[in-house]
Amino acid sequence: MSETKIRITQVKSGNGQKPGQQATLIGLGLNKIGKSREAVATPEVRGMVNKVAHLLKVEELA
């Protein structure tokens, strides 16, 4: 069974956000605008992405 991957790109700053949202960005491996990371789309990662969706751009990878 193949794993679905997503590319997560930070498009807005975490400055001024709640501390939990800033920690979530760090947990996703993002700390600067324009930085991208590929991750396996597990329920845990999806939940983190949903928490800070207003700061990210998410793309599904084939």
PDB file of N, CA and C in Angstrom:
ATOM      1  N   MET A   1       0.844  -1.180   0.000  1.00  0.00           N
ATOM      2  CA  MET A   1       0.000   0.000   0.000  1.00  0.00           C
ATOM      3  C   MET A   1       0.889   1.243   0.000  1.00  0.00           C
ATOM      4  N   SER A   2       0.681   2.110  -0.957  1.00  0.00           N
ATOM      5  CA  SER A   2       1.509   3.308  -1.039  1.00  0.00           C
ATOM      6  C   SER A   2       1.008   4.384  -0.081  1.00  0.00           C
ATOM      7  N   GLU A   3       1.933   5.167   0.405  1.00  0.00           N
ATOM      8  CA  GLU A   3       1.596   6.234   1.340  1.00  0.00           C
ATOM      9  C   GLU A   3       1.376   7.525   0.565  1.00  0.00           C
ATOM     10  N   THR A   4       0.342   8.257   0.930  1.00  0.00           N
ATOM     11  CA  THR A   4       0.068   9.536   0.306  1.00  0.00           C
ATOM     12  C   THR A   4       0.993  10.579   0.919  1.00  0.00           C
ATOM     13  N   LYS A   5       1.617  11.372   0.071  1.00  0.00           N
ATOM     14  CA  LYS A   5       2.501  12.429   0.557  1.00  0.00           C
ATOM     15  C   LYS A   5       1.886  13.782   0.228  1.00  0.00           C
ATOM     16  N   ILE A   6       2.211  14.756   1.060  1.00  0.00           N
ATOM     17  CA  ILE A   6       1.776  16.130   0.823  1.00  0.00           C
ATOM     18  C   ILE A   6       2.988  17.046   0.923  1.00  0.00           C
ATOM     19  N   ARG A   7       2.955  18.129   0.181  1.00  0.00           N
ATOM     20  CA  ARG A   7       3.981  19.169   0.282  1.00  0.00           C
ATOM     21  C   ARG A   7       3.345  20.343   1.019  1.00  0.00           C
ATOM     22  N   ILE A   8       3.975  20.733   2.116  1.00  0.00           N
ATOM     23  CA  ILE A   8       3.475  21.815   2.957  1.00  0.00           C
ATOM     24  C   ILE A   8       4.410  23.001   2.784  1.00  0.00           C
ATOM     25  N   THR A   9       3.867  24.169   2.422  1.00  0.00           N
ATOM     26  CA  THR A   9       4.659  25.380   2.241  1.00  0.00           C
ATOM     27  C   THR A   9       4.095  26.470   3.133  1.00  0.00           C
ATOM     28  N   GLN A  10       4.971  27.112   3.909  1.00  0.00           N
ATOM     29  CA  GLN A  10       4.538  28.213   4.763  1.00  0.00           C
ATOM     30  C   GLN A  10       4.429  29.471   3.912  1.00  0.00           C
ATOM     31  N   VAL A  11       3.255  30.128   3.936  1.00  0.00           N
ATOM     32  CA  VAL A  11       3.035  31.324   3.126  1.00  0.00           C
ATOM     33  C   VAL A  11       2.814  32.578   3.971  1.00  0.00           C
ATOM     34  N   LYS A  12       2.586  32.399   5.283  1.00  0.00           N
ATOM     35  CA  LYS A  12       2.423  33.538   6.182  1.00  0.00           C
ATOM     36  C   LYS A  12       3.260  33.305   7.428  1.00  0.00           C
ATOM     37  N   SER A  13       3.600  34.384   8.109  1.00  0.00           N
ATOM     38  CA  SER A  13       4.432  34.320   9.289  1.00  0.00           C
ATOM     39  C   SER A  13       3.675  33.770  10.496  1.00  0.00           C
ATOM     40  N   GLY A  14       4.404  33.097  11.360  1.00  0.00           N
ATOM     41  CA  GLY A  14       3.844  32.626  12.614  1.00  0.00           C
ATOM     42  C   GLY A  14       3.908  33.673  13.709  1.00  0.00           C
ATOM     43  N   ASN A  15       4.590  34.791  13.452  1.00  0.00           N
ATOM     44  CA  ASN A  15       4.670  35.859  14.443  1.00  0.00           C
ATOM     45  C   ASN A  15       3.288  36.430  14.711  1.00  0.00           C
ATOM     46  N   GLY A  16       2.987  36.653  15.973  1.00  0.00           N
ATOM     47  CA  GLY A  16       1.699  37.202  16.347  1.00  0.00           C
ATOM     48  C   GLY A  16       0.611  36.157  16.485  1.00  0.00           C
ATOM     49  N   GLN A  17       0.917  34.903  16.171  1.00  0.00           N
ATOM     50  CA  GLN A  17      -0.057  33.825  16.319  1.00  0.00           C
ATOM     51  C   GLN A  17       0.013  33.288  17.748  1.00  0.00           C
ATOM     52  N   LYS A  18      -0.953  32.499  18.118  1.00  0.00           N
ATOM     53  CA  LYS A  18      -0.957  31.889  19.445  1.00  0.00           C
ATOM     54  C   LYS A  18       0.245  30.957  19.585  1.00  0.00           C
ATOM     55  N   PRO A  19       0.770  30.820  20.805  1.00  0.00           N
ATOM     56  CA  PRO A  19       1.955  29.959  21.004  1.00  0.00           C
ATOM     57  C   PRO A  19       1.767  28.531  20.507  1.00  0.00           C
ATOM     58  N   GLY A  20       0.565  27.991  20.627  1.00  0.00           N
ATOM     59  CA  GLY A  20       0.312  26.634  20.131  1.00  0.00           C
ATOM     60  C   GLY A  20       0.450  26.532  18.626  1.00  0.00           C
ATOM     61  N   GLN A  21       0.062  27.591  17.924  1.00  0.00           N
ATOM     62  CA  GLN A  21       0.188  27.592  16.469  1.00  0.00           C
ATOM     63  C   GLN A  21       1.646  27.739  16.060  1.00  0.00           C
ATOM     64  N   GLN A  22       2.403  28.546  16.788  1.00  0.00           N
ATOM     65  CA  GLN A  22       3.830  28.679  16.494  1.00  0.00           C
ATOM     66  C   GLN A  22       4.543  27.351  16.719  1.00  0.00           C
ATOM     67  N   ALA A  23       4.185  26.648  17.792  1.00  0.00           N
ATOM     68  CA  ALA A  23       4.782  25.351  18.081  1.00  0.00           C
ATOM     69  C   ALA A  23       4.409  24.319  17.021  1.00  0.00           C
ATOM     70  N   THR A  24       3.205  24.409  16.498  1.00  0.00           N
ATOM     71  CA  THR A  24       2.772  23.487  15.446  1.00  0.00           C
ATOM     72  C   THR A  24       3.598  23.689  14.184  1.00  0.00           C
ATOM     73  N   LEU A  25       3.874  24.947  13.816  1.00  0.00           N
ATOM     74  CA  LEU A  25       4.729  25.211  12.658  1.00  0.00           C
ATOM     75  C   LEU A  25       6.105  24.592  12.856  1.00  0.00           C
ATOM     76  N   ILE A  26       6.672  24.753  14.034  1.00  0.00           N
ATOM     77  CA  ILE A  26       7.981  24.172  14.321  1.00  0.00           C
ATOM     78  C   ILE A  26       7.903  22.648  14.251  1.00  0.00           C
ATOM     79  N   GLY A  27       6.828  22.083  14.773  1.00  0.00           N
ATOM     80  CA  GLY A  27       6.640  20.636  14.718  1.00  0.00           C
ATOM     81  C   GLY A  27       6.540  20.100  13.301  1.00  0.00           C
ATOM     82  N   LEU A  28       6.014  20.927  12.401  1.00  0.00           N
ATOM     83  CA  LEU A  28       5.936  20.533  10.990  1.00  0.00           C
ATOM     84  C   LEU A  28       7.258  20.761  10.260  1.00  0.00           C
ATOM     85  N   GLY A  29       8.227  21.372  10.930  1.00  0.00           N
ATOM     86  CA  GLY A  29       9.522  21.631  10.313  1.00  0.00           C
ATOM     87  C   GLY A  29       9.565  22.920   9.525  1.00  0.00           C
ATOM     88  N   LEU A  30       8.663  23.835   9.825  1.00  0.00           N
ATOM     89  CA  LEU A  30       8.599  25.108   9.112  1.00  0.00           C
ATOM     90  C   LEU A  30       8.935  26.243  10.074  1.00  0.00           C
ATOM     91  N   ASN A  31       9.731  27.210   9.611  1.00  0.00           N
ATOM     92  CA  ASN A  31      10.044  28.349  10.462  1.00  0.00           C
ATOM     93  C   ASN A  31      10.251  29.639   9.681  1.00  0.00           C
ATOM     94  N   LYS A  32      10.167  29.571   8.368  1.00  0.00           N
ATOM     95  CA  LYS A  32      10.334  30.766   7.545  1.00  0.00           C
ATOM     96  C   LYS A  32       9.334  30.744   6.397  1.00  0.00           C
ATOM     97  N   ILE A  33       8.916  31.918   5.985  1.00  0.00           N
ATOM     98  CA  ILE A  33       8.002  32.023   4.853  1.00  0.00           C
ATOM     99  C   ILE A  33       8.704  31.480   3.610  1.00  0.00           C
ATOM    100  N   GLY A  34       7.999  30.658   2.856  1.00  0.00           N
ATOM    101  CA  GLY A  34       8.541  30.085   1.629  1.00  0.00           C
ATOM    102  C   GLY A  34       9.193  28.728   1.823  1.00  0.00           C
ATOM    103  N   LYS A  35       9.403  28.320   3.064  1.00  0.00           N
ATOM    104  CA  LYS A  35      10.020  27.023   3.307  1.00  0.00           C
ATOM    105  C   LYS A  35       8.999  25.917   3.081  1.00  0.00           C
ATOM    106  N   SER A  36       9.426  24.829   2.433  1.00  0.00           N
ATOM    107  CA  SER A  36       8.551  23.700   2.131  1.00  0.00           C
ATOM    108  C   SER A  36       9.081  22.439   2.772  1.00  0.00           C
ATOM    109  N   ARG A  37       8.169  21.499   2.966  1.00  0.00           N
ATOM    110  CA  ARG A  37       8.527  20.202   3.500  1.00  0.00           C
ATOM    111  C   ARG A  37       7.547  19.183   2.966  1.00  0.00           C
ATOM    112  N   GLU A  38       8.055  17.999   2.657  1.00  0.00           N
ATOM    113  CA  GLU A  38       7.186  16.903   2.248  1.00  0.00           C
ATOM    114  C   GLU A  38       6.968  16.001   3.446  1.00  0.00           C
ATOM    115  N   ALA A  39       5.735  15.538   3.610  1.00  0.00           N
ATOM    116  CA  ALA A  39       5.398  14.678   4.746  1.00  0.00           C
ATOM    117  C   ALA A  39       4.387  13.634   4.304  1.00  0.00           C
ATOM    118  N   VAL A  40       4.378  12.514   4.999  1.00  0.00           N
ATOM    119  CA  VAL A  40       3.373  11.485   4.776  1.00  0.00           C
ATOM    120  C   VAL A  40       2.076  11.984   5.404  1.00  0.00           C
ATOM    121  N   ALA A  41       0.977  11.832   4.691  1.00  0.00           N
ATOM    122  CA  ALA A  41      -0.310  12.384   5.121  1.00  0.00           C
ATOM    123  C   ALA A  41      -0.983  11.477   6.141  1.00  0.00           C
ATOM    124  N   THR A  42      -0.400  11.387   7.329  1.00  0.00           N
ATOM    125  CA  THR A  42      -1.008  10.618   8.416  1.00  0.00           C
ATOM    126  C   THR A  42      -2.069  11.479   9.094  1.00  0.00           C
ATOM    127  N   PRO A  43      -2.958  10.882   9.882  1.00  0.00           N
ATOM    128  CA  PRO A  43      -3.956  11.684  10.596  1.00  0.00           C
ATOM    129  C   PRO A  43      -3.319  12.723  11.526  1.00  0.00           C
ATOM    130  N   GLU A  44      -2.171  12.389  12.114  1.00  0.00           N
ATOM    131  CA  GLU A  44      -1.493  13.325  13.002  1.00  0.00           C
ATOM    132  C   GLU A  44      -1.012  14.559  12.245  1.00  0.00           C
ATOM    133  N   VAL A  45      -0.402  14.335  11.096  1.00  0.00           N
ATOM    134  CA  VAL A  45       0.098  15.456  10.289  1.00  0.00           C
ATOM    135  C   VAL A  45      -1.065  16.274   9.737  1.00  0.00           C
ATOM    136  N   ARG A  46      -2.124  15.596   9.291  1.00  0.00           N
ATOM    137  CA  ARG A  46      -3.303  16.311   8.784  1.00  0.00           C
ATOM    138  C   ARG A  46      -3.902  17.216   9.861  1.00  0.00           C
ATOM    139  N   GLY A  47      -3.945  16.733  11.109  1.00  0.00           N
ATOM    140  CA  GLY A  47      -4.461  17.537  12.206  1.00  0.00           C
ATOM    141  C   GLY A  47      -3.610  18.767  12.460  1.00  0.00           C
ATOM    142  N   MET A  48      -2.285  18.606  12.385  1.00  0.00           N
ATOM    143  CA  MET A  48      -1.385  19.748  12.567  1.00  0.00           C
ATOM    144  C   MET A  48      -1.578  20.759  11.441  1.00  0.00           C
ATOM    145  N   VAL A  49      -1.714  20.263  10.221  1.00  0.00           N
ATOM    146  CA  VAL A  49      -1.928  21.150   9.074  1.00  0.00           C
ATOM    147  C   VAL A  49      -3.243  21.902   9.212  1.00  0.00           C
ATOM    148  N   ASN A  50      -4.287  21.225   9.662  1.00  0.00           N
ATOM    149  CA  ASN A  50      -5.585  21.880   9.835  1.00  0.00           C
ATOM    150  C   ASN A  50      -5.522  22.979  10.885  1.00  0.00           C
ATOM    151  N   LYS A  51      -4.708  22.798  11.905  1.00  0.00           N
ATOM    152  CA  LYS A  51      -4.597  23.778  12.984  1.00  0.00           C
ATOM    153  C   LYS A  51      -4.019  25.103  12.491  1.00  0.00           C
ATOM    154  N   VAL A  52      -3.107  25.049  11.528  1.00  0.00           N
ATOM    155  CA  VAL A  52      -2.454  26.266  11.014  1.00  0.00           C
ATOM    156  C   VAL A  52      -2.686  26.432   9.513  1.00  0.00           C
ATOM    157  N   ALA A  53      -3.830  25.960   9.023  1.00  0.00           N
ATOM    158  CA  ALA A  53      -4.122  25.979   7.588  1.00  0.00           C
ATOM    159  C   ALA A  53      -4.089  27.390   7.005  1.00  0.00           C
ATOM    160  N   HIS A  54      -4.408  28.400   7.804  1.00  0.00           N
ATOM    161  CA  HIS A  54      -4.416  29.778   7.324  1.00  0.00           C
ATOM    162  C   HIS A  54      -3.006  30.313   7.080  1.00  0.00           C
ATOM    163  N   LEU A  55      -1.973  29.583   7.492  1.00  0.00           N
ATOM    164  CA  LEU A  55      -0.588  29.996   7.297  1.00  0.00           C
ATOM    165  C   LEU A  55       0.131  29.162   6.239  1.00  0.00           C
ATOM    166  N   LEU A  56      -0.549  28.165   5.697  1.00  0.00           N
ATOM    167  CA  LEU A  56       0.093  27.189   4.816  1.00  0.00           C
ATOM    168  C   LEU A  56      -0.577  27.057   3.460  1.00  0.00           C
ATOM    169  N   LYS A  57       0.189  26.499   2.513  1.00  0.00           N
ATOM    170  CA  LYS A  57      -0.341  26.025   1.247  1.00  0.00           C
ATOM    171  C   LYS A  57      -0.008  24.537   1.201  1.00  0.00           C
ATOM    172  N   VAL A  58      -1.003  23.711   0.896  1.00  0.00           N
ATOM    173  CA  VAL A  58      -0.815  22.261   0.911  1.00  0.00           C
ATOM    174  C   VAL A  58      -1.087  21.710  -0.475  1.00  0.00           C
ATOM    175  N   GLU A  59      -0.182  20.839  -0.959  1.00  0.00           N
ATOM    176  CA  GLU A  59      -0.342  20.190  -2.264  1.00  0.00           C
ATOM    177  C   GLU A  59      -0.244  18.677  -2.082  1.00  0.00           C
ATOM    178  N   GLU A  60      -1.112  17.954  -2.747  1.00  0.00           N
ATOM    179  CA  GLU A  60      -1.044  16.498  -2.759  1.00  0.00           C
ATOM    180  C   GLU A  60       0.010  16.073  -3.792  1.00  0.00           C
ATOM    181  N   LEU A  61       0.836  15.112  -3.434  1.00  0.00           N
ATOM    182  CA  LEU A  61       1.843  14.591  -4.355  1.00  0.00           C
ATOM    183  C   LEU A  61       1.431  13.204  -4.809  1.00  0.00           C
ATOM    184  N   ALA A  62       1.724  12.904  -6.067  1.00  0.00           N
ATOM    185  CA  ALA A  62       1.338  11.604  -6.625  1.00  0.00           C
ATOM    186  C   ALA A  62       2.330  10.530  -6.250  1.00  0.00           C
TER     187      ALA A  62
END
